[in-house]
Amino acid sequence: MIEVIGALAAFFMGQWIAYRSKWVTNGSLLKMIASSIGVIGFSMILFVFAGKHMVSIVVVPTVICAAILSAKYRMYITGFMKQLKGDFKNGA
């Protein structure tokens, strides 16, 4: 039950970080993917060294990274669609 509450809190924290952090809003999508792979990989290594007892060591960073990446992808697609609409209005 604690893992579920932690995952839910991590999701909301990831959304908050995605929309409040300058690093996320100004960074590229590729940089976000690479850093997420690094964070998740580090949490897996930490999980193995912790004796494989606390699953939340892996779950919480994974949920945070997934929330940040989905928000960043949403920002990217929204910006791209606005750019396309502007191009069609201008007759390009």
PDB file of N, CA and C in Angstrom:
ATOM      1  N   MET A   1       0.819  -1.195   0.000  1.00  0.00           N
ATOM      2  CA  MET A   1       0.000   0.000   0.000  1.00  0.00           C
ATOM      3  C   MET A   1       0.867   1.265   0.000  1.00  0.00           C
ATOM      4  N   ILE A   2       1.980   1.178   0.717  1.00  0.00           N
ATOM      5  CA  ILE A   2       2.874   2.340   0.777  1.00  0.00           C
ATOM      6  C   ILE A   2       3.487   2.612  -0.590  1.00  0.00           C
ATOM      7  N   GLU A   3       3.786   1.545  -1.350  1.00  0.00           N
ATOM      8  CA  GLU A   3       4.352   1.733  -2.686  1.00  0.00           C
ATOM      9  C   GLU A   3       3.360   2.421  -3.616  1.00  0.00           C
ATOM     10  N   VAL A   4       2.077   2.097  -3.482  1.00  0.00           N
ATOM     11  CA  VAL A   4       1.054   2.715  -4.326  1.00  0.00           C
ATOM     12  C   VAL A   4       0.911   4.195  -3.995  1.00  0.00           C
ATOM     13  N   ILE A   5       0.903   4.527  -2.721  1.00  0.00           N
ATOM     14  CA  ILE A   5       0.822   5.928  -2.312  1.00  0.00           C
ATOM     15  C   ILE A   5       2.072   6.680  -2.763  1.00  0.00           C
ATOM     16  N   GLY A   6       3.233   6.034  -2.630  1.00  0.00           N
ATOM     17  CA  GLY A   6       4.478   6.658  -3.085  1.00  0.00           C
ATOM     18  C   GLY A   6       4.499   6.880  -4.589  1.00  0.00           C
ATOM     19  N   ALA A   7       3.958   5.922  -5.347  1.00  0.00           N
ATOM     20  CA  ALA A   7       3.912   6.069  -6.804  1.00  0.00           C
ATOM     21  C   ALA A   7       2.957   7.189  -7.207  1.00  0.00           C
ATOM     22  N   LEU A   8       1.833   7.298  -6.515  1.00  0.00           N
ATOM     23  CA  LEU A   8       0.884   8.376  -6.807  1.00  0.00           C
ATOM     24  C   LEU A   8       1.484   9.742  -6.477  1.00  0.00           C
ATOM     25  N   ALA A   9       2.149   9.823  -5.331  1.00  0.00           N
ATOM     26  CA  ALA A   9       2.818  11.075  -4.965  1.00  0.00           C
ATOM     27  C   ALA A   9       3.938  11.394  -5.953  1.00  0.00           C
ATOM     28  N   ALA A  10       4.645  10.377  -6.419  1.00  0.00           N
ATOM     29  CA  ALA A  10       5.724  10.587  -7.393  1.00  0.00           C
ATOM     30  C   ALA A  10       5.164  11.086  -8.717  1.00  0.00           C
ATOM     31  N   PHE A  11       3.992  10.597  -9.111  1.00  0.00           N
ATOM     32  CA  PHE A  11       3.381  11.074 -10.351  1.00  0.00           C
ATOM     33  C   PHE A  11       3.058  12.565 -10.263  1.00  0.00           C
ATOM     34  N   PHE A  12       2.431  12.970  -9.163  1.00  0.00           N
ATOM     35  CA  PHE A  12       2.101  14.388  -9.000  1.00  0.00           C
ATOM     36  C   PHE A  12       3.359  15.243  -8.878  1.00  0.00           C
ATOM     37  N   MET A  13       4.378  14.713  -8.225  1.00  0.00           N
ATOM     38  CA  MET A  13       5.638  15.444  -8.118  1.00  0.00           C
ATOM     39  C   MET A  13       6.295  15.577  -9.493  1.00  0.00           C
ATOM     40  N   GLY A  14       6.222  14.535 -10.310  1.00  0.00           N
ATOM     41  CA  GLY A  14       6.778  14.606 -11.659  1.00  0.00           C
ATOM     42  C   GLY A  14       6.062  15.623 -12.526  1.00  0.00           C
ATOM     43  N   GLN A  15       4.742  15.691 -12.417  1.00  0.00           N
ATOM     44  CA  GLN A  15       3.988  16.703 -13.158  1.00  0.00           C
ATOM     45  C   GLN A  15       4.355  18.101 -12.695  1.00  0.00           C
ATOM     46  N   TRP A  16       4.506  18.280 -11.401  1.00  0.00           N
ATOM     47  CA  TRP A  16       4.862  19.585 -10.863  1.00  0.00           C
ATOM     48  C   TRP A  16       6.249  19.998 -11.348  1.00  0.00           C
ATOM     49  N   ILE A  17       7.191  19.063 -11.318  1.00  0.00           N
ATOM     50  CA  ILE A  17       8.548  19.354 -11.792  1.00  0.00           C
ATOM     51  C   ILE A  17       8.529  19.691 -13.281  1.00  0.00           C
ATOM     52  N   ALA A  18       7.733  18.989 -14.054  1.00  0.00           N
ATOM     53  CA  ALA A  18       7.710  19.184 -15.504  1.00  0.00           C
ATOM     54  C   ALA A  18       7.242  20.582 -15.884  1.00  0.00           C
ATOM     55  N   TYR A  19       6.284  21.121 -15.161  1.00  0.00           N
ATOM     56  CA  TYR A  19       5.746  22.423 -15.546  1.00  0.00           C
ATOM     57  C   TYR A  19       6.380  23.588 -14.797  1.00  0.00           C
ATOM     58  N   ARG A  20       7.132  23.334 -13.756  1.00  0.00           N
ATOM     59  CA  ARG A  20       7.741  24.413 -12.979  1.00  0.00           C
ATOM     60  C   ARG A  20       9.235  24.574 -13.219  1.00  0.00           C
ATOM     61  N   SER A  21       9.899  23.533 -13.694  1.00  0.00           N
ATOM     62  CA  SER A  21      11.346  23.548 -13.822  1.00  0.00           C
ATOM     63  C   SER A  21      11.770  24.138 -15.170  1.00  0.00           C
ATOM     64  N   LYS A  22      12.696  25.066 -15.128  1.00  0.00           N
ATOM     65  CA  LYS A  22      13.252  25.642 -16.356  1.00  0.00           C
ATOM     66  C   LYS A  22      14.056  24.598 -17.122  1.00  0.00           C
ATOM     67  N   TRP A  23      14.655  23.652 -16.400  1.00  0.00           N
ATOM     68  CA  TRP A  23      15.456  22.612 -17.032  1.00  0.00           C
ATOM     69  C   TRP A  23      14.596  21.749 -17.952  1.00  0.00           C
ATOM     70  N   VAL A  24      13.372  21.481 -17.545  1.00  0.00           N
ATOM     71  CA  VAL A  24      12.482  20.648 -18.356  1.00  0.00           C
ATOM     72  C   VAL A  24      11.869  21.455 -19.492  1.00  0.00           C
ATOM     73  N   THR A  25      11.393  22.643 -19.212  1.00  0.00           N
ATOM     74  CA  THR A  25      10.718  23.419 -20.248  1.00  0.00           C
ATOM     75  C   THR A  25      11.686  23.905 -21.323  1.00  0.00           C
ATOM     76  N   ASN A  26      12.940  24.162 -20.977  1.00  0.00           N
ATOM     77  CA  ASN A  26      13.903  24.652 -21.962  1.00  0.00           C
ATOM     78  C   ASN A  26      14.755  23.545 -22.577  1.00  0.00           C
ATOM     79  N   GLY A  27      14.798  22.378 -21.954  1.00  0.00           N
ATOM     80  CA  GLY A  27      15.638  21.286 -22.440  1.00  0.00           C
ATOM     81  C   GLY A  27      15.013  20.572 -23.625  1.00  0.00           C
ATOM     82  N   SER A  28      15.838  19.854 -24.354  1.00  0.00           N
ATOM     83  CA  SER A  28      15.336  19.109 -25.502  1.00  0.00           C
ATOM     84  C   SER A  28      14.757  17.769 -25.047  1.00  0.00           C
ATOM     85  N   LEU A  29      13.919  17.201 -25.891  1.00  0.00           N
ATOM     86  CA  LEU A  29      13.296  15.922 -25.575  1.00  0.00           C
ATOM     87  C   LEU A  29      14.337  14.810 -25.498  1.00  0.00           C
ATOM     88  N   LEU A  30      15.342  14.873 -26.357  1.00  0.00           N
ATOM     89  CA  LEU A  30      16.398  13.858 -26.343  1.00  0.00           C
ATOM     90  C   LEU A  30      17.207  13.905 -25.051  1.00  0.00           C
ATOM     91  N   LYS A  31      17.468  15.118 -24.550  1.00  0.00           N
ATOM     92  CA  LYS A  31      18.190  15.259 -23.289  1.00  0.00           C
ATOM     93  C   LYS A  31      17.361  14.708 -22.127  1.00  0.00           C
ATOM     94  N   MET A  32      16.050  14.905 -22.179  1.00  0.00           N
ATOM     95  CA  MET A  32      15.174  14.373 -21.135  1.00  0.00           C
ATOM     96  C   MET A  32      15.164  12.841 -21.156  1.00  0.00           C
ATOM     97  N   ILE A  33      15.132  12.256 -22.341  1.00  0.00           N
ATOM     98  CA  ILE A  33      15.136  10.794 -22.458  1.00  0.00           C
ATOM     99  C   ILE A  33      16.454  10.234 -21.927  1.00  0.00           C
ATOM    100  N   ALA A  34      17.560  10.849 -22.295  1.00  0.00           N
ATOM    101  CA  ALA A  34      18.867  10.372 -21.843  1.00  0.00           C
ATOM    102  C   ALA A  34      19.008  10.487 -20.328  1.00  0.00           C
ATOM    103  N   SER A  35      18.565  11.596 -19.765  1.00  0.00           N
ATOM    104  CA  SER A  35      18.675  11.745 -18.313  1.00  0.00           C
ATOM    105  C   SER A  35      17.740  10.786 -17.587  1.00  0.00           C
ATOM    106  N   SER A  36      16.579  10.497 -18.165  1.00  0.00           N
ATOM    107  CA  SER A  36      15.669   9.531 -17.546  1.00  0.00           C
ATOM    108  C   SER A  36      16.260   8.135 -17.552  1.00  0.00           C
ATOM    109  N   ILE A  37      16.909   7.770 -18.638  1.00  0.00           N
ATOM    110  CA  ILE A  37      17.573   6.466 -18.688  1.00  0.00           C
ATOM    111  C   ILE A  37      18.661   6.394 -17.622  1.00  0.00           C
ATOM    112  N   GLY A  38      19.400   7.475 -17.457  1.00  0.00           N
ATOM    113  CA  GLY A  38      20.436   7.506 -16.430  1.00  0.00           C
ATOM    114  C   GLY A  38      19.881   7.398 -15.017  1.00  0.00           C
ATOM    115  N   VAL A  39      18.817   8.123 -14.740  1.00  0.00           N
ATOM    116  CA  VAL A  39      18.218   8.089 -13.404  1.00  0.00           C
ATOM    117  C   VAL A  39      17.635   6.714 -13.102  1.00  0.00           C
ATOM    118  N   ILE A  40      16.929   6.134 -14.059  1.00  0.00           N
ATOM    119  CA  ILE A  40      16.340   4.816 -13.848  1.00  0.00           C
ATOM    120  C   ILE A  40      17.428   3.749 -13.710  1.00  0.00           C
ATOM    121  N   GLY A  41      18.473   3.842 -14.508  1.00  0.00           N
ATOM    122  CA  GLY A  41      19.591   2.902 -14.389  1.00  0.00           C
ATOM    123  C   GLY A  41      20.281   3.008 -13.036  1.00  0.00           C
ATOM    124  N   PHE A  42      20.480   4.242 -12.573  1.00  0.00           N
ATOM    125  CA  PHE A  42      21.093   4.438 -11.259  1.00  0.00           C
ATOM    126  C   PHE A  42      20.203   3.880 -10.155  1.00  0.00           C
ATOM    127  N   SER A  43      18.898   4.056 -10.280  1.00  0.00           N
ATOM    128  CA  SER A  43      17.994   3.525  -9.250  1.00  0.00           C
ATOM    129  C   SER A  43      17.989   2.000  -9.258  1.00  0.00           C
ATOM    130  N   MET A  44      18.163   1.387 -10.435  1.00  0.00           N
ATOM    131  CA  MET A  44      18.248  -0.077 -10.479  1.00  0.00           C
ATOM    132  C   MET A  44      19.526  -0.581  -9.813  1.00  0.00           C
ATOM    133  N   ILE A  45      20.621   0.108 -10.051  1.00  0.00           N
ATOM    134  CA  ILE A  45      21.878  -0.265  -9.397  1.00  0.00           C
ATOM    135  C   ILE A  45      21.755  -0.099  -7.890  1.00  0.00           C
ATOM    136  N   LEU A  46      21.145   0.993  -7.456  1.00  0.00           N
ATOM    137  CA  LEU A  46      20.933   1.222  -6.028  1.00  0.00           C
ATOM    138  C   LEU A  46      20.026   0.156  -5.431  1.00  0.00           C
ATOM    139  N   PHE A  47      19.028  -0.285  -6.182  1.00  0.00           N
ATOM    140  CA  PHE A  47      18.124  -1.345  -5.735  1.00  0.00           C
ATOM    141  C   PHE A  47      18.870  -2.652  -5.518  1.00  0.00           C
ATOM    142  N   VAL A  48      19.780  -2.984  -6.422  1.00  0.00           N
ATOM    143  CA  VAL A  48      20.560  -4.218  -6.288  1.00  0.00           C
ATOM    144  C   VAL A  48      21.490  -4.137  -5.080  1.00  0.00           C
ATOM    145  N   PHE A  49      22.125  -2.975  -4.902  1.00  0.00           N
ATOM    146  CA  PHE A  49      23.024  -2.833  -3.762  1.00  0.00           C
ATOM    147  C   PHE A  49      22.289  -2.745  -2.432  1.00  0.00           C
ATOM    148  N   ALA A  50      21.018  -2.349  -2.447  1.00  0.00           N
ATOM    149  CA  ALA A  50      20.227  -2.266  -1.215  1.00  0.00           C
ATOM    150  C   ALA A  50      19.691  -3.628  -0.798  1.00  0.00           C
ATOM    151  N   GLY A  51      19.953  -4.651  -1.552  1.00  0.00           N
ATOM    152  CA  GLY A  51      19.548  -5.980  -1.186  1.00  0.00           C
ATOM    153  C   GLY A  51      18.200  -6.406  -1.742  1.00  0.00           C
ATOM    154  N   LYS A  52      17.691  -5.672  -2.707  1.00  0.00           N
ATOM    155  CA  LYS A  52      16.437  -6.003  -3.388  1.00  0.00           C
ATOM    156  C   LYS A  52      15.248  -6.105  -2.437  1.00  0.00           C
ATOM    157  N   HIS A  53      15.232  -5.228  -1.443  1.00  0.00           N
ATOM    158  CA  HIS A  53      14.131  -5.253  -0.485  1.00  0.00           C
ATOM    159  C   HIS A  53      13.122  -4.132  -0.709  1.00  0.00           C
ATOM    160  N   MET A  54      13.584  -2.992  -1.132  1.00  0.00           N
ATOM    161  CA  MET A  54      12.686  -1.842  -1.293  1.00  0.00           C
ATOM    162  C   MET A  54      12.425  -1.604  -2.777  1.00  0.00           C
ATOM    163  N   VAL A  55      11.263  -2.017  -3.232  1.00  0.00           N
ATOM    164  CA  VAL A  55      10.901  -1.858  -4.639  1.00  0.00           C
ATOM    165  C   VAL A  55      10.688  -0.388  -4.981  1.00  0.00           C
ATOM    166  N   SER A  56      10.315   0.408  -4.003  1.00  0.00           N
ATOM    167  CA  SER A  56      10.049   1.819  -4.273  1.00  0.00           C
ATOM    168  C   SER A  56      11.300   2.583  -4.686  1.00  0.00           C
ATOM    169  N   ILE A  57      12.487   2.004  -4.453  1.00  0.00           N
ATOM    170  CA  ILE A  57      13.727   2.637  -4.925  1.00  0.00           C
ATOM    171  C   ILE A  57      13.709   2.729  -6.450  1.00  0.00           C
ATOM    172  N   VAL A  58      13.084   1.779  -7.116  1.00  0.00           N
ATOM    173  CA  VAL A  58      12.999   1.773  -8.572  1.00  0.00           C
ATOM    174  C   VAL A  58      11.697   2.413  -9.042  1.00  0.00           C
ATOM    175  N   VAL A  59      10.608   2.168  -8.332  1.00  0.00           N
ATOM    176  CA  VAL A  59       9.291   2.610  -8.788  1.00  0.00           C
ATOM    177  C   VAL A  59       9.167   4.132  -8.780  1.00  0.00           C
ATOM    178  N   VAL A  60       9.580   4.775  -7.712  1.00  0.00           N
ATOM    179  CA  VAL A  60       9.399   6.227  -7.587  1.00  0.00           C
ATOM    180  C   VAL A  60      10.177   6.996  -8.658  1.00  0.00           C
ATOM    181  N   PRO A  61      11.476   6.754  -8.864  1.00  0.00           N
ATOM    182  CA  PRO A  61      12.165   7.482  -9.944  1.00  0.00           C
ATOM    183  C   PRO A  61      11.611   7.172 -11.337  1.00  0.00           C
ATOM    184  N   THR A  62      11.159   5.929 -11.544  1.00  0.00           N
ATOM    185  CA  THR A  62      10.592   5.570 -12.842  1.00  0.00           C
ATOM    186  C   THR A  62       9.303   6.329 -13.106  1.00  0.00           C
ATOM    187  N   VAL A  63       8.450   6.436 -12.100  1.00  0.00           N
ATOM    188  CA  VAL A  63       7.187   7.170 -12.262  1.00  0.00           C
ATOM    189  C   VAL A  63       7.456   8.657 -12.456  1.00  0.00           C
ATOM    190  N   ILE A  64       8.399   9.209 -11.710  1.00  0.00           N
ATOM    191  CA  ILE A  64       8.735  10.629 -11.874  1.00  0.00           C
ATOM    192  C   ILE A  64       9.259  10.890 -13.285  1.00  0.00           C
ATOM    193  N   CYS A  65      10.167  10.054 -13.761  1.00  0.00           N
ATOM    194  CA  CYS A  65      10.715  10.230 -15.113  1.00  0.00           C
ATOM    195  C   CYS A  65       9.640  10.062 -16.179  1.00  0.00           C
ATOM    196  N   ALA A  66       8.736   9.101 -15.983  1.00  0.00           N
ATOM    197  CA  ALA A  66       7.659   8.905 -16.952  1.00  0.00           C
ATOM    198  C   ALA A  66       6.727  10.107 -16.989  1.00  0.00           C
ATOM    199  N   ALA A  67       6.418  10.680 -15.837  1.00  0.00           N
ATOM    200  CA  ALA A  67       5.548  11.856 -15.803  1.00  0.00           C
ATOM    201  C   ALA A  67       6.215  13.056 -16.462  1.00  0.00           C
ATOM    202  N   ILE A  68       7.498  13.237 -16.197  1.00  0.00           N
ATOM    203  CA  ILE A  68       8.231  14.349 -16.806  1.00  0.00           C
ATOM    204  C   ILE A  68       8.315  14.168 -18.321  1.00  0.00           C
ATOM    205  N   LEU A  69       8.624  12.948 -18.778  1.00  0.00           N
ATOM    206  CA  LEU A  69       8.732  12.708 -20.216  1.00  0.00           C
ATOM    207  C   LEU A  69       7.390  12.871 -20.928  1.00  0.00           C
ATOM    208  N   SER A  70       6.310  12.410 -20.316  1.00  0.00           N
ATOM    209  CA  SER A  70       5.012  12.562 -20.970  1.00  0.00           C
ATOM    210  C   SER A  70       4.603  14.024 -21.038  1.00  0.00           C
ATOM    211  N   ALA A  71       4.899  14.791 -19.996  1.00  0.00           N
ATOM    212  CA  ALA A  71       4.590  16.217 -20.025  1.00  0.00           C
ATOM    213  C   ALA A  71       5.448  16.944 -21.062  1.00  0.00           C
ATOM    214  N   LYS A  72       6.732  16.578 -21.141  1.00  0.00           N
ATOM    215  CA  LYS A  72       7.625  17.200 -22.127  1.00  0.00           C
ATOM    216  C   LYS A  72       7.179  16.871 -23.549  1.00  0.00           C
ATOM    217  N   TYR A  73       6.767  15.625 -23.771  1.00  0.00           N
ATOM    218  CA  TYR A  73       6.283  15.241 -25.092  1.00  0.00           C
ATOM    219  C   TYR A  73       5.001  15.990 -25.436  1.00  0.00           C
ATOM    220  N   ARG A  74       4.126  16.176 -24.444  1.00  0.00           N
ATOM    221  CA  ARG A  74       2.907  16.948 -24.659  1.00  0.00           C
ATOM    222  C   ARG A  74       3.238  18.398 -25.022  1.00  0.00           C
ATOM    223  N   MET A  75       4.222  18.984 -24.328  1.00  0.00           N
ATOM    224  CA  MET A  75       4.646  20.352 -24.655  1.00  0.00           C
ATOM    225  C   MET A  75       5.202  20.424 -26.075  1.00  0.00           C
ATOM    226  N   TYR A  76       5.988  19.422 -26.454  1.00  0.00           N
ATOM    227  CA  TYR A  76       6.609  19.383 -27.775  1.00  0.00           C
ATOM    228  C   TYR A  76       5.552  19.285 -28.869  1.00  0.00           C
ATOM    229  N   ILE A  77       4.588  18.393 -28.703  1.00  0.00           N
ATOM    230  CA  ILE A  77       3.547  18.200 -29.710  1.00  0.00           C
ATOM    231  C   ILE A  77       2.645  19.431 -29.800  1.00  0.00           C
ATOM    232  N   THR A  78       2.320  20.031 -28.658  1.00  0.00           N
ATOM    233  CA  THR A  78       1.488  21.235 -28.665  1.00  0.00           C
ATOM    234  C   THR A  78       2.181  22.371 -29.410  1.00  0.00           C
ATOM    235  N   GLY A  79       3.469  22.556 -29.152  1.00  0.00           N
ATOM    236  CA  GLY A  79       4.224  23.585 -29.866  1.00  0.00           C
ATOM    237  C   GLY A  79       4.320  23.313 -31.349  1.00  0.00           C
ATOM    238  N   PHE A  80       4.496  22.046 -31.697  1.00  0.00           N
ATOM    239  CA  PHE A  80       4.576  21.669 -33.103  1.00  0.00           C
ATOM    240  C   PHE A  80       3.252  21.917 -33.814  1.00  0.00           C
ATOM    241  N   MET A  81       2.145  21.600 -33.162  1.00  0.00           N
ATOM    242  CA  MET A  81       0.826  21.830 -33.762  1.00  0.00           C
ATOM    243  C   MET A  81       0.548  23.321 -33.926  1.00  0.00           C
ATOM    244  N   LYS A  82       0.965  24.135 -32.966  1.00  0.00           N
ATOM    245  CA  LYS A  82       0.800  25.588 -33.098  1.00  0.00           C
ATOM    246  C   LYS A  82       1.616  26.117 -34.268  1.00  0.00           C
ATOM    247  N   GLN A  83       2.814  25.575 -34.439  1.00  0.00           N
ATOM    248  CA  GLN A  83       3.659  25.988 -35.547  1.00  0.00           C
ATOM    249  C   GLN A  83       3.035  25.584 -36.877  1.00  0.00           C
ATOM    250  N   LEU A  84       2.459  24.401 -36.942  1.00  0.00           N
ATOM    251  CA  LEU A  84       1.793  23.961 -38.167  1.00  0.00           C
ATOM    252  C   LEU A  84       0.590  24.826 -38.494  1.00  0.00           C
ATOM    253  N   LYS A  85      -0.204  25.169 -37.493  1.00  0.00           N
ATOM    254  CA  LYS A  85      -1.354  26.029 -37.726  1.00  0.00           C
ATOM    255  C   LYS A  85      -0.935  27.400 -38.240  1.00  0.00           C
ATOM    256  N   GLY A  86       0.185  27.916 -37.685  1.00  0.00           N
ATOM    257  CA  GLY A  86       0.704  29.193 -38.155  1.00  0.00           C
ATOM    258  C   GLY A  86       1.187  29.129 -39.586  1.00  0.00           C
ATOM    259  N   ASP A  87       1.791  28.009 -39.969  1.00  0.00           N
ATOM    260  CA  ASP A  87       2.261  27.843 -41.341  1.00  0.00           C
ATOM    261  C   ASP A  87       1.083  27.769 -42.310  1.00  0.00           C
ATOM    262  N   PHE A  88       0.024  27.098 -41.921  1.00  0.00           N
ATOM    263  CA  PHE A  88      -1.140  26.990 -42.809  1.00  0.00           C
ATOM    264  C   PHE A  88      -1.890  28.317 -42.923  1.00  0.00           C
ATOM    265  N   LYS A  89      -1.869  29.116 -41.842  1.00  0.00           N
ATOM    266  CA  LYS A  89      -2.526  30.430 -41.903  1.00  0.00           C
ATOM    267  C   LYS A  89      -1.771  31.371 -42.832  1.00  0.00           C
ATOM    268  N   ASN A  90      -0.454  31.254 -42.835  1.00  0.00           N
ATOM    269  CA  ASN A  90       0.357  32.141 -43.661  1.00  0.00           C
ATOM    270  C   ASN A  90       0.458  31.666 -45.104  1.00  0.00           C
ATOM    271  N   GLY A  91      -0.102  30.521 -45.414  1.00  0.00           N
ATOM    272  CA  GLY A  91      -0.082  30.028 -46.772  1.00  0.00           C
ATOM    273  C   GLY A  91       1.179  29.326 -47.204  1.00  0.00           C
ATOM    274  N   ALA A  92       1.966  28.899 -46.238  1.00  0.00           N
ATOM    275  CA  ALA A  92       3.231  28.229 -46.567  1.00  0.00           C
ATOM    276  C   ALA A  92       3.031  26.780 -46.888  1.00  0.00           C
TER     277      ALA A  92
END
